[in-house]
Amino acid sequence: MDVYKSNKPFLELIQLLRPDYYEKEPIPDADWTLIIEYAKEMQVLPLLFFMLKQKTGITLPADIYNQLKSVYLANSNRNLFLTYDLIRILTLLDKNAIPAIPLKGAYLAHVVYEGPSARQMTDLDIMVRWEDITKAVVILEALGYVINEKYKINEEYRRSNHHLPIFTHQSGTIVEIHWNILKPLNKSESGKVIEEILWFQAKPGDIIGAKAYVMTPEFLILHSAIHLTMHHLFNLGIRDFYDIEHIYRKFRGVIDWEFLISSAKEMKLEKPILLTLALTDIITGSDILDELNIKGINFQIPDQYLIDSLEMVVQGGPIYNVSLRGVKKNPGLLAIVNTTVNRILISRKMVGMKYRIRADSLMIYLYYPKYLYDLYLRYGLDLFREALYLDYEKEHQGFWEWMIET
């Protein structure tokens, strides 16, 4: 694809992450530096080192190897601490008869990755039922976690959010308590809110000895796809694509694709899911689409929309990071202000994830100017044109309209 021609380091990175890759010719030292930068931004540095350890015949410059090894070991230690904290929380929730589902990182690292240290983790995400939210807060507070933002648990808050503000611990651990993976206003055709569908499919299980409910492989994939598209508009690197690829490899032959697609249709999320599966094949080299074709599941994504979405993945998301649906419903000055604020004043958690700094540290506010400067370096004057929505009608409009069609 043309997207790769101007992004050679990105192409080299995803090739190195493929199990069947072999080095046809040595990679120049200068390219390694750019590959490492891309891997860091795309949140796959630990995975890159893990994959390189499995390969023979690839020669890395000593400084690059040492840098990768250092990041991998640091990530291993962090994952160990996060896993310990997760087990403590799940154990207490279970003792208090609060069903809980561990989401994303910690569960995937231990269940679908060959080595838990290969999966970069930032925080802990745990889902409980809405009626258990208050009890879950009490348990987190008893463990020393605090929320530094004001909130009020009521139906209005439930309708406008899908998780509480972040909990932080003096150890540096960040926890998000969810009751949904999307705002509950997103209802399926049968009238069930998405959280009800999630609990219906969840099964009793455990993670490293701690009792919990676990998602089926189909919903692990669904959640990763939602996280990539509906939550972050392809602005979170490529880690989630490799999550999906590892889920697919782990549960190949067991995944009920018809159930996955029908569930996505019921939630009105079919297009984001199918697009994510197509991009997973393109980026990771998996053969999910072949599997779907064998099952008789055929679909067509316009080539331009594949290119648009891949460009956003490579660039780190669209310049405007705000809901297209919200802007279309509320055009005018308010939409312009919301677009600018949502893009520039991203959450402390997102800044922490991007620059690897604790979200509860006062130092995090020093990174907002850096974030704006990084945006300017990447987009130049286009940043301000997009932030003011002057180019909204021209760039990617058809893509986002296609994404939200039902």
Protein backbone atom coordinates (compact mmCIF):
# COMPACT_ATOMS: atom_id res chain seq x y z
CA MET A 1 0.00 0.00 0.00
CA ASP A 2 1.09 3.60 -0.64
CA VAL A 3 0.76 4.21 3.12
CA TYR A 4 3.84 2.05 3.68
CA LYS A 5 5.99 3.70 0.99
CA SER A 6 6.40 6.88 3.02
CA ASN A 7 6.58 5.00 6.35
CA LYS A 8 9.36 2.47 5.91
CA PRO A 9 10.07 2.17 9.68
CA PHE A 10 6.43 1.26 10.30
CA LEU A 11 6.57 -1.40 7.58
CA GLU A 12 9.81 -2.80 9.00
CA LEU A 13 8.29 -2.84 12.48
CA ILE A 14 5.21 -4.87 11.56
CA GLN A 15 7.37 -7.24 9.53
CA LEU A 16 9.64 -7.84 12.53
CA LEU A 17 6.56 -8.57 14.65
CA ARG A 18 5.47 -11.42 12.37
CA PRO A 19 6.42 -14.93 13.51
CA ASP A 20 7.43 -15.98 9.99
CA TYR A 21 9.69 -12.99 9.27
CA TYR A 22 13.31 -13.60 8.36
CA GLU A 23 15.95 -10.99 7.61
CA LYS A 24 16.66 -10.86 3.89
CA GLU A 25 19.29 -8.17 4.34
CA PRO A 26 20.65 -6.34 7.41
CA ILE A 27 18.60 -3.41 8.65
CA PRO A 28 20.68 -0.20 8.74
CA ASP A 29 21.45 1.17 12.22
CA ALA A 30 19.62 4.41 11.41
CA ASP A 31 16.48 2.42 10.54
CA TRP A 32 16.65 0.61 13.88
CA THR A 33 16.46 3.94 15.69
CA LEU A 34 13.29 4.87 13.78
CA ILE A 35 11.81 1.38 14.28
CA ILE A 36 12.31 1.72 18.05
CA GLU A 37 10.65 5.14 18.04
CA TYR A 38 7.67 3.76 16.13
CA ALA A 39 7.43 0.71 18.41
CA LYS A 40 7.40 2.96 21.47
CA GLU A 41 4.69 5.18 20.04
CA MET A 42 2.66 2.16 18.93
CA GLN A 43 2.97 0.54 22.41
CA VAL A 44 4.64 -2.65 21.19
CA LEU A 45 8.27 -2.27 22.35
CA PRO A 46 8.12 -5.26 24.75
CA LEU A 47 6.44 -7.37 22.07
CA LEU A 48 9.14 -6.42 19.57
CA PHE A 49 11.90 -7.61 21.90
CA PHE A 50 10.01 -10.83 22.65
CA MET A 51 9.59 -11.58 18.95
CA LEU A 52 13.22 -10.74 18.13
CA LYS A 53 14.36 -13.19 20.82
CA GLN A 54 12.54 -15.97 18.93
CA LYS A 55 14.30 -15.23 15.64
CA THR A 56 17.73 -16.22 14.42
CA GLY A 57 19.96 -14.38 11.99
CA ILE A 58 18.80 -10.86 12.90
CA THR A 59 21.65 -8.66 14.05
CA LEU A 60 20.81 -5.68 16.24
CA PRO A 61 23.21 -2.85 17.12
CA ALA A 62 24.36 -3.35 20.72
CA ASP A 63 22.81 -0.11 21.96
CA ILE A 64 19.46 -0.98 20.35
CA TYR A 65 19.51 -4.47 21.88
CA ASN A 66 20.31 -3.08 25.33
CA GLN A 67 17.58 -0.46 25.01
CA LEU A 68 15.01 -3.06 24.03
CA LYS A 69 16.09 -5.44 26.77
CA SER A 70 15.89 -2.67 29.37
CA VAL A 71 12.35 -1.73 28.29
CA TYR A 72 11.29 -5.39 28.24
CA LEU A 73 12.60 -6.05 31.77
CA ALA A 74 11.00 -2.85 33.08
CA ASN A 75 7.70 -3.87 31.49
CA SER A 76 8.06 -7.35 33.01
CA ASN A 77 8.47 -5.85 36.49
CA ARG A 78 5.55 -3.48 35.97
CA ASN A 79 3.31 -6.29 34.71
CA LEU A 80 4.27 -8.36 37.77
CA PHE A 81 3.21 -5.57 40.14
CA LEU A 82 0.01 -4.89 38.19
CA THR A 83 -0.87 -8.59 38.21
CA TYR A 84 -0.32 -8.76 41.97
CA ASP A 85 -2.58 -5.74 42.46
CA LEU A 86 -5.21 -7.25 40.17
CA ILE A 87 -5.25 -10.49 42.15
CA ARG A 88 -5.67 -8.55 45.41
CA ILE A 89 -8.60 -6.58 44.00
CA LEU A 90 -10.32 -9.57 42.40
CA THR A 91 -9.90 -11.63 45.59
CA LEU A 92 -11.55 -8.94 47.71
CA LEU A 93 -14.35 -8.43 45.20
CA ASP A 94 -15.01 -12.17 45.21
CA LYS A 95 -15.01 -12.30 49.02
CA ASN A 96 -17.66 -9.58 49.00
CA ALA A 97 -19.79 -11.45 46.41
CA ILE A 98 -19.14 -8.88 43.69
CA PRO A 99 -18.81 -10.53 40.26
CA ALA A 100 -15.98 -8.93 38.26
CA ILE A 101 -14.57 -9.22 34.74
CA PRO A 102 -10.89 -8.31 34.19
CA LEU A 103 -10.67 -6.38 30.92
CA LYS A 104 -7.93 -6.07 28.33
CA GLY A 105 -4.28 -5.98 29.44
CA ALA A 106 -3.70 -8.18 32.47
CA TYR A 107 -6.08 -10.91 31.37
CA LEU A 108 -4.83 -10.98 27.78
CA ALA A 109 -1.18 -10.92 28.88
CA HIS A 110 -1.59 -14.08 30.93
CA VAL A 111 -4.11 -15.94 28.76
CA VAL A 112 -3.30 -15.32 25.09
CA TYR A 113 0.32 -14.13 24.96
CA GLU A 114 3.15 -16.68 24.99
CA GLY A 115 4.99 -14.52 27.50
CA PRO A 116 3.05 -12.14 29.81
CA SER A 117 5.93 -9.65 29.66
CA ALA A 118 5.44 -9.22 25.91
CA ARG A 119 2.20 -7.30 26.39
CA GLN A 120 2.64 -3.68 27.46
CA MET A 121 0.27 -2.77 30.28
CA THR A 122 -0.58 0.67 31.60
CA ASP A 123 -3.36 0.19 34.10
CA LEU A 124 -5.98 -2.26 35.35
CA ASP A 125 -9.51 -2.31 33.95
CA ILE A 126 -12.17 -4.21 35.87
CA MET A 127 -15.86 -4.43 35.07
CA VAL A 128 -18.55 -4.90 37.72
CA ARG A 129 -22.31 -4.62 37.55
CA TRP A 130 -23.76 -1.14 37.91
CA GLU A 131 -25.54 -2.10 41.13
CA ASP A 132 -22.17 -3.11 42.63
CA ILE A 133 -20.33 0.09 41.75
CA THR A 134 -20.64 1.69 45.20
CA LYS A 135 -19.43 -1.48 46.96
CA ALA A 136 -16.51 -1.75 44.53
CA VAL A 137 -15.50 1.84 45.33
CA VAL A 138 -15.45 1.03 49.06
CA ILE A 139 -13.16 -1.96 48.41
CA LEU A 140 -10.76 0.06 46.25
CA GLU A 141 -10.61 2.81 48.87
CA ALA A 142 -9.91 0.23 51.59
CA LEU A 143 -6.90 -0.89 49.52
CA GLY A 144 -5.57 2.66 49.43
CA TYR A 145 -6.84 3.77 46.01
CA VAL A 146 -8.19 7.30 45.61
CA ILE A 147 -10.09 9.26 42.97
CA ASN A 148 -9.01 12.87 42.54
CA GLU A 149 -12.02 13.96 40.49
CA LYS A 150 -15.50 14.80 41.63
CA TYR A 151 -18.28 12.46 40.50
CA LYS A 152 -21.72 11.40 41.61
CA ILE A 153 -23.03 7.88 41.14
CA ASN A 154 -26.53 8.26 39.74
CA GLU A 155 -28.47 7.38 36.60
CA GLU A 156 -27.36 10.52 34.80
CA TYR A 157 -23.71 9.58 35.39
CA ARG A 158 -24.45 6.06 34.23
CA ARG A 159 -25.95 7.31 30.97
CA SER A 160 -23.05 9.60 30.13
CA ASN A 161 -20.09 7.36 31.11
CA HIS A 162 -19.03 3.75 31.05
CA HIS A 163 -16.45 3.83 33.84
CA LEU A 164 -15.57 5.87 36.94
CA PRO A 165 -12.72 8.39 37.01
CA ILE A 166 -9.36 6.69 37.44
CA PHE A 167 -8.30 5.34 40.83
CA THR A 168 -4.64 5.87 41.68
CA HIS A 169 -2.47 4.25 44.34
CA GLN A 170 0.71 5.61 45.89
CA SER A 171 2.50 2.63 44.34
CA GLY A 172 1.68 4.05 40.91
CA THR A 173 -1.02 1.55 39.98
CA ILE A 174 -3.99 2.99 38.10
CA VAL A 175 -7.38 1.24 38.13
CA GLU A 176 -10.52 1.91 36.11
CA ILE A 177 -13.78 0.43 37.36
CA HIS A 178 -16.21 -0.13 34.48
CA TRP A 179 -19.84 -1.11 34.34
CA ASN A 180 -19.82 -1.16 30.54
CA ILE A 181 -17.47 -1.02 27.56
CA LEU A 182 -19.52 1.72 25.88
CA LYS A 183 -21.93 4.30 27.18
CA PRO A 184 -25.20 2.55 28.10
CA LEU A 185 -27.15 4.75 25.70
CA ASN A 186 -25.80 2.50 22.93
CA LYS A 187 -28.63 -0.05 22.89
CA SER A 188 -28.99 -3.20 20.86
CA GLU A 189 -31.97 -3.78 18.59
CA SER A 190 -33.55 -6.07 21.18
CA GLY A 191 -33.49 -3.23 23.72
CA LYS A 192 -30.78 -4.74 25.94
CA VAL A 193 -28.00 -2.42 26.93
CA ILE A 194 -24.56 -3.62 26.01
CA GLU A 195 -23.60 -4.31 29.62
CA GLU A 196 -26.40 -6.88 29.87
CA ILE A 197 -25.14 -8.64 26.76
CA LEU A 198 -21.62 -8.70 28.22
CA TRP A 199 -22.72 -10.29 31.46
CA PHE A 200 -24.88 -12.80 29.62
CA GLN A 201 -21.86 -14.17 27.72
CA ALA A 202 -19.33 -13.98 30.59
CA LYS A 203 -18.41 -17.28 32.25
CA PRO A 204 -16.98 -18.09 35.72
CA GLY A 205 -13.22 -18.55 35.54
CA ASP A 206 -10.00 -17.33 37.10
CA ILE A 207 -6.81 -15.44 36.38
CA ILE A 208 -3.71 -16.81 38.09
CA GLY A 209 -5.82 -18.35 40.84
CA ALA A 210 -8.10 -15.38 41.49
CA LYS A 211 -11.78 -16.04 40.82
CA ALA A 212 -13.39 -13.83 38.19
CA TYR A 213 -15.75 -13.87 35.28
CA VAL A 214 -14.10 -14.01 31.88
CA MET A 215 -15.22 -12.97 28.43
CA THR A 216 -15.55 -15.49 25.65
CA PRO A 217 -12.97 -15.25 22.82
CA GLU A 218 -15.62 -13.59 20.65
CA PHE A 219 -16.13 -10.77 23.14
CA LEU A 220 -12.42 -10.40 23.80
CA ILE A 221 -12.09 -9.57 20.10
CA LEU A 222 -15.18 -7.37 20.15
CA HIS A 223 -13.91 -5.35 23.09
CA SER A 224 -10.48 -4.82 21.50
CA ALA A 225 -12.14 -3.62 18.30
CA ILE A 226 -14.39 -1.21 20.20
CA HIS A 227 -11.38 0.09 22.13
CA LEU A 228 -9.53 0.80 18.89
CA THR A 229 -12.37 2.42 16.97
CA MET A 230 -15.17 3.82 19.12
CA HIS A 231 -12.98 4.84 22.08
CA HIS A 232 -9.74 6.00 20.50
CA LEU A 233 -10.35 6.50 16.77
CA PHE A 234 -7.16 4.57 15.89
CA ASN A 235 -5.19 6.88 18.21
CA LEU A 236 -3.72 4.17 20.45
CA GLY A 237 -1.04 2.51 18.35
CA ILE A 238 -1.17 -1.07 17.09
CA ARG A 239 -1.10 -3.00 20.37
CA ASP A 240 -4.80 -3.86 20.18
CA PHE A 241 -4.39 -5.35 16.71
CA TYR A 242 -1.80 -7.74 18.15
CA ASP A 243 -4.18 -8.49 21.03
CA ILE A 244 -6.74 -9.62 18.46
CA GLU A 245 -4.14 -11.59 16.51
CA HIS A 246 -3.04 -13.40 19.70
CA ILE A 247 -6.65 -14.11 20.68
CA TYR A 248 -7.21 -15.55 17.22
CA ARG A 249 -4.11 -17.75 17.42
CA LYS A 250 -4.95 -18.92 20.95
CA PHE A 251 -8.56 -19.83 20.21
CA ARG A 252 -8.33 -20.70 16.52
CA GLY A 253 -10.97 -23.25 15.61
CA VAL A 254 -12.99 -22.40 18.72
CA ILE A 255 -14.10 -18.84 17.91
CA ASP A 256 -17.74 -18.67 16.84
CA TRP A 257 -17.51 -16.04 14.13
CA GLU A 258 -21.22 -16.11 13.35
CA PHE A 259 -21.95 -15.34 17.01
CA LEU A 260 -19.37 -12.53 17.02
CA ILE A 261 -20.77 -10.84 13.92
CA SER A 262 -24.39 -11.28 15.00
CA SER A 263 -23.54 -9.78 18.42
CA ALA A 264 -21.84 -6.85 16.68
CA LYS A 265 -24.95 -6.34 14.53
CA GLU A 266 -27.17 -6.41 17.60
CA MET A 267 -25.01 -3.74 19.20
CA LYS A 268 -24.94 -1.75 15.92
CA LEU A 269 -21.15 -2.10 15.79
CA GLU A 270 -20.78 -4.40 12.79
CA LYS A 271 -18.73 -2.03 10.61
CA PRO A 272 -16.17 -1.04 13.27
CA ILE A 273 -15.66 -4.74 14.08
CA LEU A 274 -15.28 -5.88 10.47
CA LEU A 275 -12.94 -2.99 9.65
CA THR A 276 -10.78 -3.86 12.66
CA LEU A 277 -10.57 -7.51 11.59
CA ALA A 278 -9.49 -6.45 8.09
CA LEU A 279 -6.83 -4.12 9.50
CA THR A 280 -5.63 -6.88 11.84
CA ASP A 281 -4.91 -9.05 8.80
CA ILE A 282 -3.12 -6.20 7.00
CA ILE A 283 -0.97 -5.20 9.97
CA THR A 284 -0.22 -8.53 11.68
CA GLY A 285 -0.33 -10.87 8.67
CA SER A 286 -3.05 -13.05 10.22
CA ASP A 287 -5.66 -14.80 8.07
CA ILE A 288 -8.87 -13.92 9.89
CA LEU A 289 -10.66 -12.88 6.70
CA ASP A 290 -9.88 -16.25 5.11
CA GLU A 291 -11.43 -17.90 8.15
CA LEU A 292 -14.52 -15.72 7.80
CA ASN A 293 -14.81 -16.59 4.10
CA ILE A 294 -14.66 -20.28 4.93
CA LYS A 295 -17.54 -19.71 7.35
CA GLY A 296 -19.49 -17.97 4.58
CA ILE A 297 -19.13 -14.52 6.13
CA ASN A 298 -18.36 -12.15 3.30
CA PHE A 299 -18.28 -8.37 3.43
CA GLN A 300 -16.88 -5.50 1.41
CA ILE A 301 -15.01 -2.51 2.81
CA PRO A 302 -14.30 0.27 0.30
CA ASP A 303 -10.59 0.35 -0.51
CA GLN A 304 -10.36 4.06 0.26
CA TYR A 305 -11.74 3.51 3.74
CA LEU A 306 -9.14 0.83 4.41
CA ILE A 307 -6.47 3.29 3.29
CA ASP A 308 -7.98 6.10 5.38
CA SER A 309 -8.07 3.97 8.51
CA LEU A 310 -4.56 2.58 7.98
CA GLU A 311 -3.25 6.12 7.54
CA MET A 312 -4.84 7.07 10.85
CA VAL A 313 -3.23 4.07 12.55
CA VAL A 314 0.21 5.01 11.18
CA GLN A 315 -0.24 8.70 12.06
CA GLY A 316 -1.65 8.02 15.50
CA GLY A 317 -5.31 8.74 14.84
CA PRO A 318 -7.21 11.54 13.14
CA ILE A 319 -6.28 15.08 14.03
CA TYR A 320 -9.74 15.69 15.41
CA ASN A 321 -10.35 13.22 18.23
CA VAL A 322 -14.03 13.79 18.85
CA SER A 323 -17.23 11.97 18.04
CA LEU A 324 -18.33 12.60 14.47
CA ARG A 325 -21.90 11.82 15.46
CA GLY A 326 -21.82 14.52 18.14
CA VAL A 327 -20.47 17.17 15.77
CA LYS A 328 -23.02 16.37 13.09
CA LYS A 329 -25.84 16.70 15.60
CA ASN A 330 -24.45 19.90 17.10
CA PRO A 331 -22.79 21.95 14.35
CA GLY A 332 -21.46 25.43 14.90
CA LEU A 333 -19.22 27.15 17.42
CA LEU A 334 -19.85 24.60 20.19
CA ALA A 335 -18.71 21.77 17.94
CA ILE A 336 -15.56 23.72 17.07
CA VAL A 337 -14.78 24.33 20.74
CA ASN A 338 -15.50 20.72 21.69
CA THR A 339 -13.32 19.46 18.86
CA THR A 340 -10.37 21.60 19.91
CA VAL A 341 -10.71 20.85 23.63
CA ASN A 342 -11.16 17.10 23.13
CA ARG A 343 -8.12 16.91 20.89
CA ILE A 344 -5.69 19.08 22.85
CA LEU A 345 -6.86 18.66 26.46
CA ILE A 346 -6.84 14.86 26.49
CA SER A 347 -7.19 13.07 29.81
CA ARG A 348 -4.33 12.67 32.28
CA LYS A 349 -4.57 8.94 31.75
CA MET A 350 -3.98 9.33 28.01
CA VAL A 351 -1.02 11.67 28.58
CA GLY A 352 0.39 9.18 31.09
CA MET A 353 0.01 6.33 28.62
CA LYS A 354 1.68 8.31 25.84
CA TYR A 355 4.67 9.53 27.83
CA ARG A 356 4.91 6.73 30.42
CA ILE A 357 4.35 8.93 33.47
CA ARG A 358 2.02 8.41 36.40
CA ALA A 359 -1.37 9.99 35.80
CA ASP A 360 -1.60 11.20 39.40
CA SER A 361 1.75 13.00 39.28
CA LEU A 362 1.77 16.79 39.12
CA MET A 363 4.54 16.41 36.53
CA ILE A 364 1.93 15.23 34.06
CA TYR A 365 0.75 18.78 33.46
CA LEU A 366 4.18 19.65 32.07
CA TYR A 367 3.57 17.15 29.29
CA TYR A 368 0.52 18.91 27.86
CA PRO A 369 2.68 21.56 26.09
CA LYS A 370 4.88 18.73 24.82
CA TYR A 371 1.81 16.92 23.52
CA LEU A 372 0.68 20.05 21.66
CA TYR A 373 4.19 20.52 20.28
CA ASP A 374 4.27 16.88 19.12
CA LEU A 375 0.94 17.41 17.37
CA TYR A 376 2.34 20.46 15.62
CA LEU A 377 5.47 18.57 14.52
CA ARG A 378 3.29 15.81 13.09
CA TYR A 379 0.56 17.84 11.42
CA GLY A 380 1.97 21.36 11.02
CA LEU A 381 -0.63 23.98 10.13
CA ASP A 382 -3.09 21.19 9.34
CA LEU A 383 -3.50 20.82 13.10
CA PHE A 384 -5.13 24.22 13.38
CA ARG A 385 -7.23 23.84 10.26
CA GLU A 386 -8.55 20.50 11.51
CA ALA A 387 -8.99 21.73 15.07
CA LEU A 388 -11.17 24.52 13.74
CA TYR A 389 -12.94 22.02 11.53
CA LEU A 390 -12.22 23.99 8.36
CA ASP A 391 -11.36 20.79 6.50
CA TYR A 392 -14.05 18.62 8.07
CA GLU A 393 -16.12 18.35 4.89
CA LYS A 394 -13.08 17.26 2.88
CA GLU A 395 -11.05 14.78 4.89
CA HIS A 396 -12.38 11.43 6.10
CA GLN A 397 -16.00 12.64 6.26
CA GLY A 398 -17.27 9.77 4.14
CA PHE A 399 -15.26 7.29 6.17
CA TRP A 400 -16.73 8.29 9.54
CA GLU A 401 -20.24 8.54 8.10
CA TRP A 402 -19.84 4.98 6.78
CA MET A 403 -18.56 3.81 10.18
CA ILE A 404 -21.60 5.01 12.11
CA GLU A 405 -24.23 3.93 9.59
CA THR A 406 -26.51 1.19 10.88
